[in-house]
Amino acid sequence: LRWNNIGTVAQDTEALEWGTNVSAYQSLGARRAVS
């Protein structure tokens, strides 16, 4: 399980561009997986 949070600020906007997501990664073996 992964909870990822990210935010960016820059001079051209002077605003916070943000994102958050929660992911579940499941290995199916033999180089196969689903998220």
Full PDB file with SEQRES, HELIX, SHEET, SSBOND, CRYST1, ORIGX, SCALE, CONECT and MASTER records, all heavy atoms in Angstrom:
SEQRES   1 A   35  LEU ARG TRP ASN ASN ILE GLY THR VAL ALA GLN ASP THR          
SEQRES   2 A   35  GLU ALA LEU GLU TRP GLY THR ASN VAL SER ALA TYR GLN          
SEQRES   3 A   35  SER LEU GLY ALA ARG ARG ALA VAL SER                          
SHEET    1 AA1 2 ARG A   2  VAL A   9  0                                        
SHEET    2 AA1 2 LEU A  16  SER A  23 -1                                        
SHEET    1 AA2 2 GLN A  26  SER A  27  0                                        
SHEET    2 AA2 2 ALA A  33  VAL A  34 -1                                        
CRYST1    1.000    1.000    1.000  90.00  90.00  90.00 P 1           1          
ORIGX1      1.000000  0.000000  0.000000        0.00000                         
ORIGX2      0.000000  1.000000  0.000000        0.00000                         
ORIGX3      0.000000  0.000000  1.000000        0.00000                         
SCALE1      1.000000  0.000000  0.000000        0.00000                         
SCALE2      0.000000  1.000000  0.000000        0.00000                         
SCALE3      0.000000  0.000000  1.000000        0.00000                         
ATOM      1  N   LEU A   1       0.841  -1.182   0.000  1.00  0.00           N  
ATOM      2  CA  LEU A   1       0.000   0.000   0.000  1.00  0.00           C  
ATOM      3  C   LEU A   1       0.884   1.243   0.000  1.00  0.00           C  
ATOM      4  O   LEU A   1       1.914   1.273   0.674  1.00  0.00           O  
ATOM      5  CB  LEU A   1      -0.921   0.008   1.225  1.00  0.00           C  
ATOM      6  CG  LEU A   1      -1.792  -1.226   1.435  1.00  0.00           C  
ATOM      7  CD1 LEU A   1      -2.607  -1.084   2.717  1.00  0.00           C  
ATOM      8  CD2 LEU A   1      -2.708  -1.468   0.242  1.00  0.00           C  
ATOM      9  N   ARG A   2       0.463   2.259  -0.725  1.00  0.00           N  
ATOM     10  CA  ARG A   2       1.240   3.503  -0.789  1.00  0.00           C  
ATOM     11  C   ARG A   2       0.308   4.705  -0.713  1.00  0.00           C  
ATOM     12  O   ARG A   2      -0.703   4.780  -1.425  1.00  0.00           O  
ATOM     13  CB  ARG A   2       2.054   3.581  -2.072  1.00  0.00           C  
ATOM     14  CG  ARG A   2       2.706   4.958  -2.299  1.00  0.00           C  
ATOM     15  CD  ARG A   2       3.643   4.933  -3.491  1.00  0.00           C  
ATOM     16  NE  ARG A   2       4.783   4.076  -3.221  1.00  0.00           N  
ATOM     17  CZ  ARG A   2       5.626   3.644  -4.166  1.00  0.00           C  
ATOM     18  NH1 ARG A   2       5.422   3.973  -5.424  1.00  0.00           N  
ATOM     19  NH2 ARG A   2       6.646   2.890  -3.838  1.00  0.00           N  
ATOM     20  N   TRP A   3       0.668   5.666   0.147  1.00  0.00           N  
ATOM     21  CA  TRP A   3      -0.005   6.964   0.216  1.00  0.00           C  
ATOM     22  C   TRP A   3       1.017   8.007  -0.196  1.00  0.00           C  
ATOM     23  O   TRP A   3       2.022   8.199   0.483  1.00  0.00           O  
ATOM     24  CB  TRP A   3      -0.534   7.219   1.620  1.00  0.00           C  
ATOM     25  CG  TRP A   3      -1.239   8.554   1.752  1.00  0.00           C  
ATOM     26  CD1 TRP A   3      -1.887   9.245   0.771  1.00  0.00           C  
ATOM     27  CD2 TRP A   3      -1.347   9.336   2.942  1.00  0.00           C  
ATOM     28  NE1 TRP A   3      -2.406  10.419   1.267  1.00  0.00           N  
ATOM     29  CE2 TRP A   3      -2.093  10.497   2.601  1.00  0.00           C  
ATOM     30  CE3 TRP A   3      -0.917   9.174   4.259  1.00  0.00           C  
ATOM     31  CZ2 TRP A   3      -2.387  11.485   3.526  1.00  0.00           C  
ATOM     32  CZ3 TRP A   3      -1.214  10.160   5.180  1.00  0.00           C  
ATOM     33  CH2 TRP A   3      -1.947  11.293   4.809  1.00  0.00           C  
ATOM     34  N   ASN A   4       0.769   8.659  -1.323  1.00  0.00           N  
ATOM     35  CA  ASN A   4       1.745   9.582  -1.897  1.00  0.00           C  
ATOM     36  C   ASN A   4       1.169  10.996  -1.938  1.00  0.00           C  
ATOM     37  O   ASN A   4       0.024  11.207  -2.351  1.00  0.00           O  
ATOM     38  CB  ASN A   4       2.114   9.142  -3.316  1.00  0.00           C  
ATOM     39  CG  ASN A   4       3.325   9.881  -3.841  1.00  0.00           C  
ATOM     40  OD1 ASN A   4       4.407   9.816  -3.255  1.00  0.00           O  
ATOM     41  ND2 ASN A   4       3.164  10.583  -4.944  1.00  0.00           N  
ATOM     42  N   ASN A   5       1.971  11.981  -1.505  1.00  0.00           N  
ATOM     43  CA  ASN A   5       1.554  13.377  -1.476  1.00  0.00           C  
ATOM     44  C   ASN A   5       2.640  14.232  -2.108  1.00  0.00           C  
ATOM     45  O   ASN A   5       3.840  14.042  -1.820  1.00  0.00           O  
ATOM     46  CB  ASN A   5       1.306  13.837  -0.039  1.00  0.00           C  
ATOM     47  CG  ASN A   5       0.254  13.015   0.662  1.00  0.00           C  
ATOM     48  OD1 ASN A   5      -0.927  13.260   0.526  1.00  0.00           O  
ATOM     49  ND2 ASN A   5       0.697  12.006   1.415  1.00  0.00           N  
ATOM     50  N   ILE A   6       2.232  15.196  -2.938  1.00  0.00           N  
ATOM     51  CA  ILE A   6       3.214  16.001  -3.656  1.00  0.00           C  
ATOM     52  C   ILE A   6       2.682  17.415  -3.838  1.00  0.00           C  
ATOM     53  O   ILE A   6       1.472  17.628  -4.003  1.00  0.00           O  
ATOM     54  CB  ILE A   6       3.544  15.355  -5.021  1.00  0.00           C  
ATOM     55  CG1 ILE A   6       4.777  15.990  -5.637  1.00  0.00           C  
ATOM     56  CG2 ILE A   6       2.361  15.393  -5.967  1.00  0.00           C  
ATOM     57  CD1 ILE A   6       5.389  15.159  -6.751  1.00  0.00           C  
ATOM     58  N   GLY A   7       3.586  18.393  -3.742  1.00  0.00           N  
ATOM     59  CA  GLY A   7       3.209  19.780  -3.937  1.00  0.00           C  
ATOM     60  C   GLY A   7       4.335  20.554  -4.596  1.00  0.00           C  
ATOM     61  O   GLY A   7       5.509  20.327  -4.300  1.00  0.00           O  
ATOM     62  N   THR A   8       3.979  21.472  -5.513  1.00  0.00           N  
ATOM     63  CA  THR A   8       4.964  22.279  -6.231  1.00  0.00           C  
ATOM     64  C   THR A   8       4.562  23.748  -6.176  1.00  0.00           C  
ATOM     65  O   THR A   8       3.397  24.084  -6.406  1.00  0.00           O  
ATOM     66  CB  THR A   8       5.073  21.833  -7.706  1.00  0.00           C  
ATOM     67  OG1 THR A   8       5.512  20.476  -7.764  1.00  0.00           O  
ATOM     68  CG2 THR A   8       6.072  22.711  -8.466  1.00  0.00           C  
ATOM     69  N   VAL A   9       5.550  24.604  -5.892  1.00  0.00           N  
ATOM     70  CA  VAL A   9       5.363  26.049  -5.970  1.00  0.00           C  
ATOM     71  C   VAL A   9       6.401  26.603  -6.935  1.00  0.00           C  
ATOM     72  O   VAL A   9       7.515  26.087  -7.020  1.00  0.00           O  
ATOM     73  CB  VAL A   9       5.505  26.726  -4.590  1.00  0.00           C  
ATOM     74  CG1 VAL A   9       4.383  26.296  -3.662  1.00  0.00           C  
ATOM     75  CG2 VAL A   9       6.854  26.399  -3.956  1.00  0.00           C  
ATOM     76  N   ALA A  10       6.038  27.648  -7.693  1.00  0.00           N  
ATOM     77  CA  ALA A  10       6.949  28.267  -8.646  1.00  0.00           C  
ATOM     78  C   ALA A  10       6.599  29.741  -8.799  1.00  0.00           C  
ATOM     79  O   ALA A  10       5.472  30.164  -8.507  1.00  0.00           O  
ATOM     80  CB  ALA A  10       6.895  27.562 -10.002  1.00  0.00           C  
ATOM     81  N   GLN A  11       7.582  30.523  -9.272  1.00  0.00           N  
ATOM     82  CA  GLN A  11       7.414  31.963  -9.368  1.00  0.00           C  
ATOM     83  C   GLN A  11       6.320  32.378 -10.347  1.00  0.00           C  
ATOM     84  O   GLN A  11       5.665  33.406 -10.160  1.00  0.00           O  
ATOM     85  CB  GLN A  11       8.738  32.614  -9.785  1.00  0.00           C  
ATOM     86  CG  GLN A  11       9.750  32.747  -8.654  1.00  0.00           C  
ATOM     87  CD  GLN A  11      11.005  33.457  -9.113  1.00  0.00           C  
ATOM     88  OE1 GLN A  11      11.658  33.016 -10.051  1.00  0.00           O  
ATOM     89  NE2 GLN A  11      11.330  34.557  -8.458  1.00  0.00           N  
ATOM     90  N   ASP A  12       6.112  31.603 -11.401  1.00  0.00           N  
ATOM     91  CA  ASP A  12       5.181  32.047 -12.430  1.00  0.00           C  
ATOM     92  C   ASP A  12       3.726  31.984 -11.984  1.00  0.00           C  
ATOM     93  O   ASP A  12       2.866  32.668 -12.540  1.00  0.00           O  
ATOM     94  CB  ASP A  12       5.375  31.234 -13.719  1.00  0.00           C  
ATOM     95  CG  ASP A  12       5.063  29.762 -13.530  1.00  0.00           C  
ATOM     96  OD1 ASP A  12       5.187  29.277 -12.385  1.00  0.00           O  
ATOM     97  OD2 ASP A  12       4.703  29.103 -14.515  1.00  0.00           O  
ATOM     98  N   THR A  13       3.408  31.168 -10.968  1.00  0.00           N  
ATOM     99  CA  THR A  13       2.021  31.066 -10.507  1.00  0.00           C  
ATOM    100  C   THR A  13       1.842  31.519  -9.071  1.00  0.00           C  
ATOM    101  O   THR A  13       0.753  31.955  -8.697  1.00  0.00           O  
ATOM    102  CB  THR A  13       1.525  29.613 -10.616  1.00  0.00           C  
ATOM    103  OG1 THR A  13       2.339  28.767  -9.780  1.00  0.00           O  
ATOM    104  CG2 THR A  13       1.587  29.128 -12.056  1.00  0.00           C  
ATOM    105  N   GLU A  14       2.881  31.393  -8.239  1.00  0.00           N  
ATOM    106  CA  GLU A  14       2.805  31.719  -6.816  1.00  0.00           C  
ATOM    107  C   GLU A  14       1.647  30.997  -6.150  1.00  0.00           C  
ATOM    108  O   GLU A  14       0.976  31.525  -5.260  1.00  0.00           O  
ATOM    109  CB  GLU A  14       2.699  33.229  -6.603  1.00  0.00           C  
ATOM    110  CG  GLU A  14       3.916  33.987  -7.105  1.00  0.00           C  
ATOM    111  CD  GLU A  14       3.829  35.481  -6.821  1.00  0.00           C  
ATOM    112  OE1 GLU A  14       2.740  35.933  -6.411  1.00  0.00           O  
ATOM    113  OE2 GLU A  14       4.845  36.179  -6.987  1.00  0.00           O  
ATOM    114  N   ALA A  15       1.387  29.800  -6.613  1.00  0.00           N  
ATOM    115  CA  ALA A  15       0.334  28.953  -6.047  1.00  0.00           C  
ATOM    116  C   ALA A  15       0.918  27.578  -5.769  1.00  0.00           C  
ATOM    117  O   ALA A  15       2.006  27.228  -6.244  1.00  0.00           O  
ATOM    118  CB  ALA A  15      -0.846  28.853  -7.011  1.00  0.00           C  
ATOM    119  N   LEU A  16       0.209  26.807  -4.985  1.00  0.00           N  
ATOM    120  CA  LEU A  16       0.617  25.434  -4.682  1.00  0.00           C  
ATOM    121  C   LEU A  16      -0.154  24.483  -5.577  1.00  0.00           C  
ATOM    122  O   LEU A  16      -1.383  24.389  -5.500  1.00  0.00           O  
ATOM    123  CB  LEU A  16       0.349  25.110  -3.213  1.00  0.00           C  
ATOM    124  CG  LEU A  16       0.592  23.656  -2.791  1.00  0.00           C  
ATOM    125  CD1 LEU A  16       2.076  23.310  -2.909  1.00  0.00           C  
ATOM    126  CD2 LEU A  16       0.088  23.404  -1.376  1.00  0.00           C  
ATOM    127  N   GLU A  17       0.560  23.791  -6.455  1.00  0.00           N  
ATOM    128  CA  GLU A  17      -0.024  22.725  -7.268  1.00  0.00           C  
ATOM    129  C   GLU A  17       0.176  21.418  -6.512  1.00  0.00           C  
ATOM    130  O   GLU A  17       1.312  21.021  -6.279  1.00  0.00           O  
ATOM    131  CB  GLU A  17       0.654  22.677  -8.638  1.00  0.00           C  
ATOM    132  CG  GLU A  17       0.554  23.983  -9.419  1.00  0.00           C  
ATOM    133  CD  GLU A  17       1.478  24.004 -10.615  1.00  0.00           C  
ATOM    134  OE1 GLU A  17       1.105  23.448 -11.664  1.00  0.00           O  
ATOM    135  OE2 GLU A  17       2.588  24.575 -10.496  1.00  0.00           O  
ATOM    136  N   TRP A  18      -0.889  20.764  -6.121  1.00  0.00           N  
ATOM    137  CA  TRP A  18      -0.779  19.631  -5.212  1.00  0.00           C  
ATOM    138  C   TRP A  18      -1.521  18.410  -5.748  1.00  0.00           C  
ATOM    139  O   TRP A  18      -2.415  18.507  -6.583  1.00  0.00           O  
ATOM    140  CB  TRP A  18      -1.320  19.995  -3.830  1.00  0.00           C  
ATOM    141  CG  TRP A  18      -2.756  20.428  -3.844  1.00  0.00           C  
ATOM    142  CD1 TRP A  18      -3.238  21.697  -3.990  1.00  0.00           C  
ATOM    143  CD2 TRP A  18      -3.909  19.581  -3.719  1.00  0.00           C  
ATOM    144  NE1 TRP A  18      -4.608  21.702  -3.965  1.00  0.00           N  
ATOM    145  CE2 TRP A  18      -5.051  20.434  -3.802  1.00  0.00           C  
ATOM    146  CE3 TRP A  18      -4.084  18.213  -3.544  1.00  0.00           C  
ATOM    147  CZ2 TRP A  18      -6.357  19.936  -3.714  1.00  0.00           C  
ATOM    148  CZ3 TRP A  18      -5.375  17.714  -3.466  1.00  0.00           C  
ATOM    149  CH2 TRP A  18      -6.492  18.567  -3.549  1.00  0.00           C  
ATOM    150  N   GLY A  19      -1.128  17.275  -5.230  1.00  0.00           N  
ATOM    151  CA  GLY A  19      -1.786  16.025  -5.577  1.00  0.00           C  
ATOM    152  C   GLY A  19      -1.591  15.005  -4.480  1.00  0.00           C  
ATOM    153  O   GLY A  19      -0.587  15.023  -3.755  1.00  0.00           O  
ATOM    154  N   THR A  20      -2.553  14.138  -4.325  1.00  0.00           N  
ATOM    155  CA  THR A  20      -2.451  13.043  -3.363  1.00  0.00           C  
ATOM    156  C   THR A  20      -3.104  11.810  -3.963  1.00  0.00           C  
ATOM    157  O   THR A  20      -4.070  11.921  -4.734  1.00  0.00           O  
ATOM    158  CB  THR A  20      -3.114  13.414  -2.017  1.00  0.00           C  
ATOM    159  OG1 THR A  20      -2.926  12.342  -1.076  1.00  0.00           O  
ATOM    160  CG2 THR A  20      -4.598  13.663  -2.194  1.00  0.00           C  
ATOM    161  N   ASN A  21      -2.569  10.645  -3.669  1.00  0.00           N  
ATOM    162  CA  ASN A  21      -3.176   9.418  -4.150  1.00  0.00           C  
ATOM    163  C   ASN A  21      -2.885   8.274  -3.198  1.00  0.00           C  
ATOM    164  O   ASN A  21      -1.874   8.280  -2.476  1.00  0.00           O  
ATOM    165  CB  ASN A  21      -2.720   9.075  -5.575  1.00  0.00           C  
ATOM    166  CG  ASN A  21      -1.255   8.748  -5.658  1.00  0.00           C  
ATOM    167  OD1 ASN A  21      -0.821   7.680  -5.242  1.00  0.00           O  
ATOM    168  ND2 ASN A  21      -0.456   9.660  -6.194  1.00  0.00           N  
ATOM    169  N   VAL A  22      -3.773   7.310  -3.188  1.00  0.00           N  
ATOM    170  CA  VAL A  22      -3.612   6.082  -2.412  1.00  0.00           C  
ATOM    171  C   VAL A  22      -3.641   4.922  -3.390  1.00  0.00           C  
ATOM    172  O   VAL A  22      -4.572   4.816  -4.199  1.00  0.00           O  
ATOM    173  CB  VAL A  22      -4.725   5.932  -1.361  1.00  0.00           C  
ATOM    174  CG1 VAL A  22      -4.575   4.610  -0.612  1.00  0.00           C  
ATOM    175  CG2 VAL A  22      -4.704   7.108  -0.379  1.00  0.00           C  
ATOM    176  N   SER A  23      -2.618   4.074  -3.335  1.00  0.00           N  
ATOM    177  CA  SER A  23      -2.494   2.965  -4.282  1.00  0.00           C  
ATOM    178  C   SER A  23      -2.314   1.648  -3.550  1.00  0.00           C  
ATOM    179  O   SER A  23      -1.711   1.590  -2.472  1.00  0.00           O  
ATOM    180  CB  SER A  23      -1.297   3.178  -5.225  1.00  0.00           C  
ATOM    181  OG  SER A  23      -1.439   4.359  -5.976  1.00  0.00           O  
ATOM    182  N   ALA A  24      -2.838   0.589  -4.163  1.00  0.00           N  
ATOM    183  CA  ALA A  24      -2.588  -0.779  -3.725  1.00  0.00           C  
ATOM    184  C   ALA A  24      -1.942  -1.519  -4.887  1.00  0.00           C  
ATOM    185  O   ALA A  24      -2.489  -1.545  -5.999  1.00  0.00           O  
ATOM    186  CB  ALA A  24      -3.881  -1.463  -3.315  1.00  0.00           C  
ATOM    187  N   TYR A  25      -0.757  -2.078  -4.663  1.00  0.00           N  
ATOM    188  CA  TYR A  25      -0.025  -2.838  -5.672  1.00  0.00           C  
ATOM    189  C   TYR A  25      -0.072  -4.323  -5.294  1.00  0.00           C  
ATOM    190  O   TYR A  25       0.222  -4.683  -4.159  1.00  0.00           O  
ATOM    191  CB  TYR A  25       1.435  -2.398  -5.748  1.00  0.00           C  
ATOM    192  CG  TYR A  25       1.635  -0.960  -6.146  1.00  0.00           C  
ATOM    193  CD1 TYR A  25       1.699   0.035  -5.184  1.00  0.00           C  
ATOM    194  CD2 TYR A  25       1.783  -0.605  -7.483  1.00  0.00           C  
ATOM    195  CE1 TYR A  25       1.900   1.360  -5.542  1.00  0.00           C  
ATOM    196  CE2 TYR A  25       1.981   0.711  -7.853  1.00  0.00           C  
ATOM    197  CZ  TYR A  25       2.035   1.689  -6.871  1.00  0.00           C  
ATOM    198  OH  TYR A  25       2.233   3.001  -7.235  1.00  0.00           O  
ATOM    199  N   GLN A  26      -0.427  -5.151  -6.264  1.00  0.00           N  
ATOM    200  CA  GLN A  26      -0.517  -6.589  -6.010  1.00  0.00           C  
ATOM    201  C   GLN A  26       0.349  -7.350  -6.999  1.00  0.00           C  
ATOM    202  O   GLN A  26       0.179  -7.231  -8.210  1.00  0.00           O  
ATOM    203  CB  GLN A  26      -1.961  -7.070  -6.132  1.00  0.00           C  
ATOM    204  CG  GLN A  26      -2.134  -8.561  -5.855  1.00  0.00           C  
ATOM    205  CD  GLN A  26      -3.566  -9.017  -6.009  1.00  0.00           C  
ATOM    206  OE1 GLN A  26      -4.431  -8.249  -6.419  1.00  0.00           O  
ATOM    207  NE2 GLN A  26      -3.827 -10.273  -5.669  1.00  0.00           N  
ATOM    208  N   SER A  27       1.281  -8.136  -6.481  1.00  0.00           N  
ATOM    209  CA  SER A  27       2.107  -8.980  -7.330  1.00  0.00           C  
ATOM    210  C   SER A  27       1.355 -10.249  -7.694  1.00  0.00           C  
ATOM    211  O   SER A  27       0.769 -10.909  -6.830  1.00  0.00           O  
ATOM    212  CB  SER A  27       3.408  -9.352  -6.607  1.00  0.00           C  
ATOM    213  OG  SER A  27       4.111 -10.344  -7.320  1.00  0.00           O  
ATOM    214  N   LEU A  28       1.360 -10.584  -8.993  1.00  0.00           N  
ATOM    215  CA  LEU A  28       0.731 -11.810  -9.473  1.00  0.00           C  
ATOM    216  C   LEU A  28       1.769 -12.863  -9.833  1.00  0.00           C  
ATOM    217  O   LEU A  28       1.421 -13.921 -10.349  1.00  0.00           O  
ATOM    218  CB  LEU A  28      -0.140 -11.505 -10.698  1.00  0.00           C  
ATOM    219  CG  LEU A  28      -1.219 -10.435 -10.490  1.00  0.00           C  
ATOM    220  CD1 LEU A  28      -1.967 -10.193 -11.798  1.00  0.00           C  
ATOM    221  CD2 LEU A  28      -2.169 -10.827  -9.375  1.00  0.00           C  
ATOM    222  N   GLY A  29       3.040 -12.568  -9.560  1.00  0.00           N  
ATOM    223  CA  GLY A  29       4.110 -13.498  -9.869  1.00  0.00           C  
ATOM    224  C   GLY A  29       4.519 -13.426 -11.325  1.00  0.00           C  
ATOM    225  O   GLY A  29       3.803 -12.889 -12.185  1.00  0.00           O  
ATOM    226  N   ALA A  30       5.694 -13.962 -11.638  1.00  0.00           N  
ATOM    227  CA  ALA A  30       6.191 -14.062 -13.013  1.00  0.00           C  
ATOM    228  C   ALA A  30       6.168 -12.709 -13.730  1.00  0.00           C  
ATOM    229  O   ALA A  30       5.749 -12.607 -14.873  1.00  0.00           O  
ATOM    230  CB  ALA A  30       5.391 -15.096 -13.811  1.00  0.00           C  
ATOM    231  N   ARG A  31       6.632 -11.668 -13.037  1.00  0.00           N  
ATOM    232  CA  ARG A  31       6.685 -10.320 -13.601  1.00  0.00           C  
ATOM    233  C   ARG A  31       5.325  -9.839 -14.095  1.00  0.00           C  
ATOM    234  O   ARG A  31       5.190  -9.269 -15.168  1.00  0.00           O  
ATOM    235  CB  ARG A  31       7.723 -10.252 -14.718  1.00  0.00           C  
ATOM    236  CG  ARG A  31       9.161 -10.379 -14.202  1.00  0.00           C  
ATOM    237  CD  ARG A  31      10.160 -10.410 -15.317  1.00  0.00           C  
ATOM    238  NE  ARG A  31      11.523 -10.496 -14.771  1.00  0.00           N  
ATOM    239  CZ  ARG A  31      12.591 -10.820 -15.480  1.00  0.00           C  
ATOM    240  NH1 ARG A  31      12.453 -11.065 -16.766  1.00  0.00           N  
ATOM    241  NH2 ARG A  31      13.779 -10.872 -14.929  1.00  0.00           N  
ATOM    242  N   ARG A  32       4.322 -10.083 -13.286  1.00  0.00           N  
ATOM    243  CA  ARG A  32       2.972  -9.591 -13.549  1.00  0.00           C  
ATOM    244  C   ARG A  32       2.458  -8.924 -12.277  1.00  0.00           C  
ATOM    245  O   ARG A  32       2.697  -9.416 -11.171  1.00  0.00           O  
ATOM    246  CB  ARG A  32       2.027 -10.731 -13.946  1.00  0.00           C  
ATOM    247  CG  ARG A  32       2.385 -11.434 -15.252  1.00  0.00           C  
ATOM    248  CD  ARG A  32       1.448 -12.593 -15.516  1.00  0.00           C  
ATOM    249  NE  ARG A  32       1.554 -13.603 -14.478  1.00  0.00           N  
ATOM    250  CZ  ARG A  32       0.533 -14.060 -13.759  1.00  0.00           C  
ATOM    251  NH1 ARG A  32      -0.688 -13.577 -13.978  1.00  0.00           N  
ATOM    252  NH2 ARG A  32       0.711 -14.980 -12.840  1.00  0.00           N  
ATOM    253  N   ALA A  33       1.753  -7.811 -12.443  1.00  0.00           N  
ATOM    254  CA  ALA A  33       1.215  -7.114 -11.279  1.00  0.00           C  
ATOM    255  C   ALA A  33       0.056  -6.230 -11.707  1.00  0.00           C  
ATOM    256  O   ALA A  33      -0.116  -5.906 -12.886  1.00  0.00           O  
ATOM    257  CB  ALA A  33       2.291  -6.279 -10.594  1.00  0.00           C  
ATOM    258  N   VAL A  34      -0.751  -5.833 -10.716  1.00  0.00           N  
ATOM    259  CA  VAL A  34      -1.873  -4.936 -10.952  1.00  0.00           C  
ATOM    260  C   VAL A  34      -1.844  -3.862  -9.877  1.00  0.00           C  
ATOM    261  O   VAL A  34      -1.405  -4.106  -8.741  1.00  0.00           O  
ATOM    262  CB  VAL A  34      -3.208  -5.716 -10.937  1.00  0.00           C  
ATOM    263  CG1 VAL A  34      -3.443  -6.361  -9.590  1.00  0.00           C  
ATOM    264  CG2 VAL A  34      -4.370  -4.816 -11.337  1.00  0.00           C  
ATOM    265  N   SER A  35      -2.268  -2.652 -10.234  1.00  0.00           N  
ATOM    266  CA  SER A  35      -2.343  -1.559  -9.262  1.00  0.00           C  
ATOM    267  C   SER A  35      -3.724  -0.928  -9.311  1.00  0.00           C  
ATOM    268  O   SER A  35      -4.361  -0.860 -10.372  1.00  0.00           O  
ATOM    269  CB  SER A  35      -1.272  -0.498  -9.547  1.00  0.00           C  
ATOM    270  OG  SER A  35      -1.564   0.213 -10.753  1.00  0.00           O  
TER     271      SER A  35                                                      
MASTER        0    0    0    0    4    0    0    6  270    1    0    3          
END                                                                             
